[in-house]
């Protein structure tokens, strides 16, 4: 068998998340599996770097699959993109080592959350960002984001459904950059993330920027745990899985 890895991008607006679900539910995994199986004329099972929720986008999702065929990668990528729906595309494909695992081998994952802090929402950003009309204090948000950097138990900043068996994660970077037209990009890198962790942290930072969140609550939760912050979760459509590094 030959193993291949591919980098996939998708607009998550029309999907009920990445992971395959019961028949009749449109997911990214389902579309990729059907396209690959059709081209290769055999049932293909794919692995992936991480699940994304309904409405979340990706520029750098990584998948892998096995096939007995030796692929002409240039032709195969063209063929695959030709049959995939318009909201999914494969940007890169290459042969991988037999032991490659896109989830377990990943050493860094990067997400970007986009916010437009303005009095209108550009049509070119509506599907990939949220609009916040109220003034946001950028320096306060940067300080709040900085609190999350380092290794912590992030249980208070994940979905309550997350298993409490191991909730320690290490955030390498959490930056906020201001661009044109009120665009704010929240970039966070970590070894891995708990379910809904990025959206919850982003929601907390936005609350701090509006003067609605006391940073001492965040500091206390990072040190001692405590109340779950899932009620602060930001909407899915502003989030993009930007890249995965190995």
Foldseek 3Di string as FASTA:
>chain_A
DWKKKFWKWFQLAQAQKADDDPPPHHHVQVLLQVLVCVVQVHGKDKAWQDIAGRLATARGIMMMIDDPDDDPQVVVQVSSQVRGDPGMHTPDMDTDDPPDHNHPPFQKWKKKFKEAADPDDDPVCVQAYYYDPDFFDQVQLQVLQVLQAAWFQCCLQADVPWDPPGRIWHKHDWGWDADPRRMIMTMTMTRDHHHLNVQLSVLQSRCSRNVNHDSVVVNCCRVPNDHHSCVSGHDNSRMYRYHTHD
